[in-house]
Amino acid sequence: MAVDHYETLGVSREASQEEIKRAYRRLARELHPDVNPSEDAAERFKLVTHAYDVLSDPQQRQDYDLGPRGGGFGDFGSFGDVFSSFFGAAAGAGGGNRPRSRRERGQDALLRIEIDLEQVIAGTVREVEVATAVLCATCEGACTQPGTSEVTCDICGGSGHVQRQMRSLLGTVVTSAPCGTCRGYGTVIPYPCTSCQGEGRVRATKTISVEIPAGIDTGMRIQLPGQGEAGPAGGPNGDLYAEITVRHHDVFSRSGDDLLATVEVAMADAVLGSRVTLAGLDGPLEVTLPEGTQSGDAIVIKDRGVGKLRGGGRGDLRIAVQVITPERLSAKERELIERFRELRGDDAPTLATFRQGLFARLRDRFHGFF
């Protein structure tokens, strides 16, 4: 049964503000906990105080009088009143005046994670700390103190909206607006949870495990459903998005699923051929240089590139060879080189001709145009 604020204060519906104030003071002196310590008096004192808060405010009193418990729309004496009432009811039937829900979905969140190129090869798992909104452990999203609950707003009667009437040429025009007392929720929380202040969620830092797949690249995002912010009043969590940045590597670079690198070899090793051990991103690897290796030649090692993001397997490792020509020769070394040139018959001056440049050859061979 609805509580009538006028009956609570013992005044008529036409009582003036001064009469309402005198009634409240009289009842407050009688029921105040300092004067009357009984539980019944304490409960009545709360009702009296609430009734005075509503009726002492002109706007709230008008909303209360016009609301479903105030009975302000019992009779309409003109065509304009009936016209306004009809369209007001139609708007309500359309669903526009239903109360809001406190329970809403939480916001999505974005975090940025930096990883090394080595971790892109086979993927990795990162544990990250995220400062976000989590469900309140005290009230578990109820927003109220344990043992208490929301109560129906006595201004709007639980509709979340209040109707106001204005006089116009057509008669009385009725408008509807969100209730200022309950903010459109239709209920109020007399005893909010002290841990979350009635929000149903609190700020906290939590650790989240992010699985980063092989083959991911800078700028890509990983979606973690339900790992975003907790919603108000126990609403579902939003999603968390992890944006990836792959750090620059001093030796290896990337082209799609392939890894690119350059190896410097001595002139004698390039001429005679050799076998060298190089430090790869995922362990050592043996590389064979054939006899007569030229600068710009590319050596392809299958399945030593980056793991493929979609589908199994790995890309290739493409190694460009750069032959290092010695800059300073001893007398003995110079003598041997000159003797080598004589044996090759290269001592006569020759006319140089244009050929494809080293950088163009590297580009083509890195991208598989052999």
Protein backbone atom coordinates (compact mmCIF):
# COMPACT_ATOMS: atom_id res chain seq x y z
CA MET A 1 0.00 0.00 0.00
CA ALA A 2 1.34 3.40 -1.00
CA VAL A 3 2.29 5.84 1.71
CA ASP A 4 0.49 9.18 1.49
CA HIS A 5 2.91 11.97 2.45
CA TYR A 6 0.04 14.28 3.44
CA GLU A 7 -1.35 11.66 5.82
CA THR A 8 2.15 11.05 7.19
CA LEU A 9 2.45 14.71 8.19
CA GLY A 10 -1.20 14.99 9.17
CA VAL A 11 -2.06 17.86 6.83
CA SER A 12 -4.55 18.33 4.00
CA ARG A 13 -3.61 18.30 0.32
CA GLU A 14 -4.25 22.06 0.20
CA ALA A 15 -1.87 22.77 3.11
CA SER A 16 0.44 25.74 2.72
CA GLN A 17 4.22 25.46 2.95
CA GLU A 18 4.09 27.03 6.40
CA GLU A 19 1.53 24.46 7.62
CA ILE A 20 3.69 21.64 6.27
CA LYS A 21 6.73 23.05 8.05
CA ARG A 22 4.88 23.38 11.39
CA ALA A 23 3.58 19.80 11.12
CA TYR A 24 7.04 18.46 10.44
CA ARG A 25 8.60 20.31 13.38
CA ARG A 26 5.90 19.02 15.73
CA LEU A 27 6.37 15.40 14.64
CA ALA A 28 10.15 15.68 14.61
CA ARG A 29 10.20 16.82 18.25
CA GLU A 30 8.03 13.84 19.13
CA LEU A 31 9.81 11.14 17.08
CA HIS A 32 13.47 12.19 16.97
CA PRO A 33 15.76 9.33 18.17
CA ASP A 34 17.28 11.60 20.81
CA VAL A 35 13.83 12.00 22.36
CA ASN A 36 12.13 8.71 21.52
CA PRO A 37 14.59 5.77 21.22
CA SER A 38 11.97 3.17 20.19
CA GLU A 39 12.33 1.39 16.84
CA ASP A 40 8.79 2.32 15.82
CA ALA A 41 9.53 5.97 16.41
CA ALA A 42 12.73 5.72 14.37
CA GLU A 43 10.87 4.27 11.38
CA ARG A 44 8.13 6.88 11.62
CA PHE A 45 10.77 9.62 11.86
CA LYS A 46 12.28 8.43 8.54
CA LEU A 47 8.85 8.51 6.88
CA VAL A 48 8.10 11.96 8.28
CA THR A 49 11.46 13.32 7.14
CA HIS A 50 11.04 11.90 3.65
CA ALA A 51 7.52 13.24 3.36
CA TYR A 52 8.71 16.72 4.38
CA ASP A 53 11.60 16.58 1.87
CA VAL A 54 9.12 15.92 -0.93
CA LEU A 55 6.33 18.29 0.05
CA SER A 56 8.60 21.19 1.05
CA ASP A 57 10.05 21.34 -2.46
CA PRO A 58 7.52 22.97 -4.83
CA GLN A 59 8.60 21.03 -7.92
CA GLN A 60 8.71 17.67 -6.14
CA ARG A 61 5.35 18.39 -4.54
CA GLN A 62 3.85 19.15 -7.94
CA ASP A 63 5.32 15.96 -9.39
CA TYR A 64 3.97 13.99 -6.43
CA ASP A 65 0.50 15.52 -6.77
CA LEU A 66 0.42 14.78 -10.51
CA GLY A 67 1.91 11.32 -10.21
CA PRO A 68 0.07 8.03 -10.00
CA ARG A 69 -0.08 8.22 -6.19
CA GLY A 70 -1.11 11.85 -6.05
CA GLY A 71 -4.31 11.42 -8.05
CA GLY A 72 -3.85 14.66 -9.90
CA PHE A 73 -5.59 13.50 -13.10
CA GLY A 74 -8.90 12.29 -11.76
CA ASP A 75 -11.15 14.64 -13.78
CA PHE A 76 -10.74 16.59 -16.97
CA GLY A 77 -13.21 19.39 -17.47
CA SER A 78 -12.38 20.52 -21.01
CA PHE A 79 -11.78 19.17 -24.49
CA GLY A 80 -8.12 20.20 -24.20
CA ASP A 81 -7.71 18.09 -21.06
CA VAL A 82 -9.13 15.00 -22.78
CA PHE A 83 -7.03 15.65 -25.90
CA SER A 84 -3.81 15.92 -23.87
CA SER A 85 -4.66 12.90 -21.78
CA PHE A 86 -5.27 10.79 -24.87
CA PHE A 87 -1.93 11.59 -26.50
CA GLY A 88 -0.07 11.30 -23.19
CA ALA A 89 -1.43 7.78 -22.74
CA ALA A 90 -0.50 6.89 -26.32
CA ALA A 91 3.06 7.96 -25.75
CA GLY A 92 3.25 5.82 -22.62
CA ALA A 93 1.82 2.82 -24.48
CA GLY A 94 4.55 3.17 -27.11
CA GLY A 95 7.20 2.25 -24.60
CA GLY A 96 8.89 5.64 -24.46
CA ASN A 97 8.18 6.12 -20.77
CA ARG A 98 9.45 2.88 -19.35
CA PRO A 99 11.94 3.25 -16.48
CA ARG A 100 15.63 3.01 -17.21
CA SER A 101 17.60 -0.01 -16.10
CA ARG A 102 20.51 0.51 -13.75
CA ARG A 103 22.09 -2.60 -15.21
CA GLU A 104 24.12 -1.66 -18.29
CA ARG A 105 26.93 -3.19 -20.31
CA GLY A 106 30.41 -2.06 -19.34
CA GLN A 107 32.62 -0.11 -21.71
CA ASP A 108 35.19 -1.71 -23.98
CA ALA A 109 38.83 -1.10 -23.11
CA LEU A 110 42.06 -0.90 -25.12
CA LEU A 111 45.58 -1.75 -24.01
CA ARG A 112 48.82 -1.77 -25.97
CA ILE A 113 51.37 -4.57 -25.78
CA GLU A 114 54.90 -4.53 -27.18
CA ILE A 115 56.54 -7.81 -28.14
CA ASP A 116 59.86 -8.82 -29.70
CA LEU A 117 60.21 -10.21 -33.20
CA GLU A 118 61.33 -13.52 -31.71
CA GLN A 119 57.91 -13.88 -30.05
CA VAL A 120 56.13 -13.51 -33.39
CA ILE A 121 57.65 -16.72 -34.75
CA ALA A 122 55.67 -19.18 -32.62
CA GLY A 123 53.40 -16.85 -30.64
CA THR A 124 53.52 -16.14 -26.94
CA VAL A 125 51.42 -15.52 -23.83
CA ARG A 126 51.65 -12.25 -21.90
CA GLU A 127 50.37 -11.54 -18.41
CA VAL A 128 49.31 -7.91 -18.20
CA GLU A 129 47.86 -5.81 -15.39
CA VAL A 130 44.82 -3.73 -16.27
CA ALA A 131 43.27 -0.97 -14.15
CA THR A 132 39.54 -1.28 -14.78
CA ALA A 133 36.08 -1.49 -13.21
CA VAL A 134 35.22 -4.82 -11.57
CA LEU A 135 32.12 -6.16 -9.85
CA CYS A 136 31.75 -4.92 -6.27
CA ALA A 137 32.50 -7.80 -3.94
CA THR A 138 30.41 -6.31 -1.12
CA CYS A 139 27.05 -5.96 -2.86
CA GLU A 140 27.81 -8.17 -5.91
CA GLY A 141 26.29 -5.57 -8.23
CA ALA A 142 23.10 -4.96 -6.24
CA CYS A 143 24.23 -1.37 -5.42
CA THR A 144 22.64 -1.58 -1.97
CA GLN A 145 23.99 -2.35 1.47
CA PRO A 146 23.70 -6.05 2.39
CA GLY A 147 20.24 -6.77 3.78
CA THR A 148 18.62 -3.81 2.01
CA SER A 149 17.14 -3.32 -1.44
CA GLU A 150 15.88 -0.70 -3.85
CA VAL A 151 12.45 0.79 -3.19
CA THR A 152 9.90 2.12 -5.64
CA CYS A 153 10.15 5.86 -6.17
CA ASP A 154 7.13 7.51 -4.57
CA ILE A 155 7.32 10.48 -6.92
CA CYS A 156 6.86 8.62 -10.21
CA GLY A 157 5.37 5.45 -8.78
CA GLY A 158 8.05 3.34 -10.44
CA SER A 159 7.49 4.60 -13.99
CA GLY A 160 10.70 6.60 -14.08
CA HIS A 161 8.85 9.59 -15.52
CA VAL A 162 6.66 12.36 -14.19
CA GLN A 163 3.90 14.23 -16.01
CA ARG A 164 3.51 17.97 -15.90
CA GLN A 165 0.63 20.05 -17.15
CA MET A 166 0.67 23.46 -18.76
CA ARG A 167 -2.17 25.66 -19.90
CA SER A 168 -2.34 26.47 -23.61
CA LEU A 169 -4.88 27.58 -26.21
CA LEU A 170 -5.95 23.96 -26.62
CA GLY A 171 -6.40 23.47 -22.93
CA THR A 172 -4.14 21.61 -20.56
CA VAL A 173 -1.03 20.18 -22.26
CA VAL A 174 0.54 17.23 -20.49
CA THR A 175 4.26 16.54 -20.93
CA SER A 176 6.38 13.70 -19.64
CA ALA A 177 9.97 13.96 -18.39
CA PRO A 178 12.41 11.72 -16.50
CA CYS A 179 11.79 11.77 -12.79
CA GLY A 180 14.31 14.00 -11.06
CA THR A 181 14.17 12.03 -7.83
CA CYS A 182 15.05 8.58 -9.19
CA ARG A 183 16.73 9.86 -12.42
CA GLY A 184 14.41 7.76 -14.53
CA TYR A 185 15.15 4.41 -12.87
CA GLY A 186 11.78 4.09 -11.17
CA THR A 187 13.47 3.10 -7.91
CA VAL A 188 15.69 4.78 -5.34
CA ILE A 189 18.42 3.31 -3.17
CA PRO A 190 17.91 4.44 0.42
CA TYR A 191 21.03 2.68 1.67
CA PRO A 192 23.71 2.61 -1.04
CA CYS A 193 26.58 0.13 -0.73
CA THR A 194 29.43 1.86 1.07
CA SER A 195 32.09 0.07 -0.97
CA CYS A 196 30.92 1.16 -4.43
CA GLN A 197 28.67 4.14 -3.46
CA GLY A 198 25.73 2.48 -5.17
CA GLU A 199 27.44 1.83 -8.50
CA GLY A 200 27.70 -1.95 -8.18
CA ARG A 201 31.32 -1.82 -9.35
CA VAL A 202 34.67 -0.53 -8.10
CA ARG A 203 38.03 0.35 -9.61
CA ALA A 204 40.68 -2.32 -9.27
CA THR A 205 43.73 -3.78 -10.98
CA LYS A 206 43.45 -7.29 -12.34
CA THR A 207 45.86 -9.58 -14.19
CA ILE A 208 44.78 -10.84 -17.61
CA SER A 209 46.44 -13.53 -19.70
CA VAL A 210 46.68 -12.54 -23.38
CA GLU A 211 47.43 -15.24 -25.93
CA ILE A 212 49.33 -13.66 -28.82
CA PRO A 213 49.24 -15.85 -31.95
CA ALA A 214 52.17 -16.53 -34.25
CA GLY A 215 52.40 -14.23 -37.25
CA ILE A 216 50.79 -11.20 -35.63
CA ASP A 217 52.02 -7.83 -36.83
CA THR A 218 52.14 -4.24 -35.63
CA GLY A 219 48.74 -2.56 -35.52
CA MET A 220 46.72 -5.76 -35.22
CA ARG A 221 44.29 -6.11 -32.34
CA ILE A 222 43.29 -9.13 -30.29
CA GLN A 223 39.74 -9.18 -28.91
CA LEU A 224 39.19 -10.62 -25.43
CA PRO A 225 35.41 -10.88 -24.97
CA GLY A 226 34.13 -10.03 -21.51
CA GLN A 227 37.47 -8.77 -20.22
CA GLY A 228 36.58 -5.06 -20.41
CA GLU A 229 34.97 -2.92 -17.72
CA ALA A 230 32.25 -4.39 -15.53
CA GLY A 231 28.87 -2.81 -16.18
CA PRO A 232 26.98 -0.72 -13.59
CA ALA A 233 24.62 -2.60 -11.25
CA GLY A 234 26.02 -6.00 -12.21
CA GLY A 235 25.75 -5.42 -15.96
CA PRO A 236 27.81 -7.57 -18.34
CA ASN A 237 31.46 -6.74 -18.96
CA GLY A 238 32.60 -5.01 -22.09
CA ASP A 239 35.37 -6.40 -24.27
CA LEU A 240 39.10 -5.80 -24.03
CA TYR A 241 41.21 -5.15 -27.12
CA ALA A 242 44.99 -5.65 -27.10
CA GLU A 243 46.80 -3.68 -29.80
CA ILE A 244 50.16 -5.18 -30.71
CA THR A 245 53.43 -3.43 -31.54
CA VAL A 246 56.38 -5.54 -32.71
CA ARG A 247 59.69 -4.00 -31.67
CA HIS A 248 62.37 -3.26 -34.26
CA HIS A 249 65.14 -5.87 -34.55
CA ASP A 250 68.68 -4.82 -35.38
CA VAL A 251 69.41 -7.84 -37.62
CA PHE A 252 66.19 -9.30 -38.95
CA SER A 253 63.32 -7.60 -40.69
CA ARG A 254 60.04 -8.96 -41.91
CA SER A 255 58.22 -9.25 -45.21
CA GLY A 256 54.89 -10.96 -44.67
CA ASP A 257 55.67 -14.39 -43.27
CA ASP A 258 59.32 -14.25 -44.39
CA LEU A 259 62.31 -13.03 -42.41
CA LEU A 260 65.00 -11.01 -44.16
CA ALA A 261 68.63 -10.64 -43.14
CA THR A 262 72.04 -9.81 -44.62
CA VAL A 263 75.26 -11.73 -44.00
CA GLU A 264 78.73 -10.34 -44.70
CA VAL A 265 81.32 -12.81 -46.00
CA ALA A 266 84.99 -12.46 -46.76
CA MET A 267 86.05 -12.38 -50.37
CA ALA A 268 87.95 -15.67 -50.09
CA ASP A 269 84.92 -17.43 -48.56
CA ALA A 270 82.74 -16.13 -51.38
CA VAL A 271 85.22 -17.34 -54.00
CA LEU A 272 85.98 -20.73 -52.50
CA GLY A 273 82.66 -21.38 -50.77
CA SER A 274 82.26 -22.14 -47.10
CA ARG A 275 79.89 -23.29 -44.40
CA VAL A 276 78.99 -20.92 -41.59
CA THR A 277 76.85 -21.08 -38.46
CA LEU A 278 74.56 -18.13 -37.89
CA ALA A 279 72.48 -17.18 -34.85
CA GLY A 280 68.84 -17.32 -35.92
CA LEU A 281 65.91 -15.89 -33.98
CA ASP A 282 64.91 -19.36 -32.83
CA GLY A 283 68.32 -21.02 -32.58
CA PRO A 284 71.51 -21.54 -34.63
CA LEU A 285 71.33 -22.50 -38.29
CA GLU A 286 73.88 -23.83 -40.79
CA VAL A 287 74.29 -21.88 -44.03
CA THR A 288 76.27 -23.15 -47.01
CA LEU A 289 77.90 -20.59 -49.31
CA PRO A 290 78.51 -22.10 -52.75
CA GLU A 291 81.72 -21.36 -54.66
CA GLY A 292 81.58 -18.12 -56.55
CA THR A 293 78.98 -16.48 -54.34
CA GLN A 294 78.30 -12.90 -55.48
CA SER A 295 77.15 -9.84 -53.59
CA GLY A 296 73.39 -9.70 -53.89
CA ASP A 297 72.91 -13.43 -54.03
CA ALA A 298 70.11 -14.67 -51.79
CA ILE A 299 70.12 -17.89 -49.80
CA VAL A 300 66.67 -19.22 -48.92
CA ILE A 301 66.18 -21.42 -45.86
CA LYS A 302 62.74 -22.97 -45.87
CA ASP A 303 60.45 -22.88 -42.82
CA ARG A 304 62.69 -20.62 -40.74
CA GLY A 305 60.54 -17.51 -41.07
CA VAL A 306 57.51 -16.33 -39.10
CA GLY A 307 54.63 -18.62 -38.17
CA LYS A 308 51.63 -18.01 -40.41
CA LEU A 309 48.77 -16.19 -38.73
CA ARG A 310 46.12 -18.10 -40.66
CA GLY A 311 47.07 -21.67 -41.39
CA GLY A 312 49.94 -23.86 -40.31
CA GLY A 313 53.59 -23.72 -41.24
CA ARG A 314 56.12 -20.94 -41.36
CA GLY A 315 57.52 -18.60 -43.91
CA ASP A 316 61.12 -18.68 -45.16
CA LEU A 317 64.34 -17.01 -44.08
CA ARG A 318 65.91 -15.09 -46.96
CA ILE A 319 69.56 -14.16 -46.46
CA ALA A 320 71.24 -11.64 -48.75
CA VAL A 321 74.99 -12.04 -49.20
CA GLN A 322 77.31 -9.07 -49.14
CA VAL A 323 80.91 -9.82 -50.13
CA ILE A 324 83.41 -7.68 -48.27
CA THR A 325 86.35 -6.46 -50.30
CA PRO A 326 89.48 -5.84 -48.21
CA GLU A 327 90.48 -2.17 -48.07
CA ARG A 328 94.07 -2.41 -46.85
CA LEU A 329 96.46 -5.05 -48.18
CA SER A 330 99.87 -6.02 -47.00
CA ALA A 331 102.65 -6.29 -49.57
CA LYS A 332 102.34 -10.07 -49.58
CA GLU A 333 98.53 -9.94 -49.99
CA ARG A 334 98.83 -7.46 -52.83
CA GLU A 335 101.39 -9.65 -54.55
CA LEU A 336 99.05 -12.65 -54.30
CA ILE A 337 96.08 -10.71 -55.64
CA GLU A 338 98.08 -9.43 -58.59
CA ARG A 339 99.30 -12.95 -59.29
CA PHE A 340 95.67 -14.16 -59.14
CA ARG A 341 94.64 -11.51 -61.64
CA GLU A 342 97.41 -12.55 -64.01
CA LEU A 343 96.37 -16.19 -63.79
CA ARG A 344 92.77 -15.18 -64.54
CA GLY A 345 93.87 -13.08 -67.48
CA ASP A 346 92.17 -10.03 -65.98
CA ASP A 347 95.21 -7.76 -66.07
CA ALA A 348 94.22 -5.99 -69.32
CA PRO A 349 91.93 -2.95 -68.91
CA THR A 350 88.29 -3.74 -69.76
CA LEU A 351 85.30 -1.53 -70.54
CA ALA A 352 82.68 -1.74 -67.76
CA THR A 353 79.05 -2.25 -68.78
CA PHE A 354 75.80 -1.42 -66.98
CA ARG A 355 73.99 -4.29 -65.26
CA GLN A 356 71.14 -4.63 -62.81
CA GLY A 357 72.07 -2.89 -59.60
CA LEU A 358 72.81 -4.67 -56.35
CA PHE A 359 69.82 -3.16 -54.57
CA ALA A 360 67.45 -4.14 -57.37
CA ARG A 361 68.81 -7.67 -57.32
CA LEU A 362 68.35 -7.85 -53.56
CA ARG A 363 64.79 -6.58 -53.87
CA ASP A 364 63.87 -9.11 -56.53
CA ARG A 365 65.48 -12.04 -54.79
CA PHE A 366 64.05 -11.16 -51.41
CA HIS A 367 60.60 -11.23 -52.96
CA GLY A 368 61.13 -14.49 -54.83
CA PHE A 369 61.74 -13.24 -58.38
CA PHE A 370 64.61 -15.56 -59.35
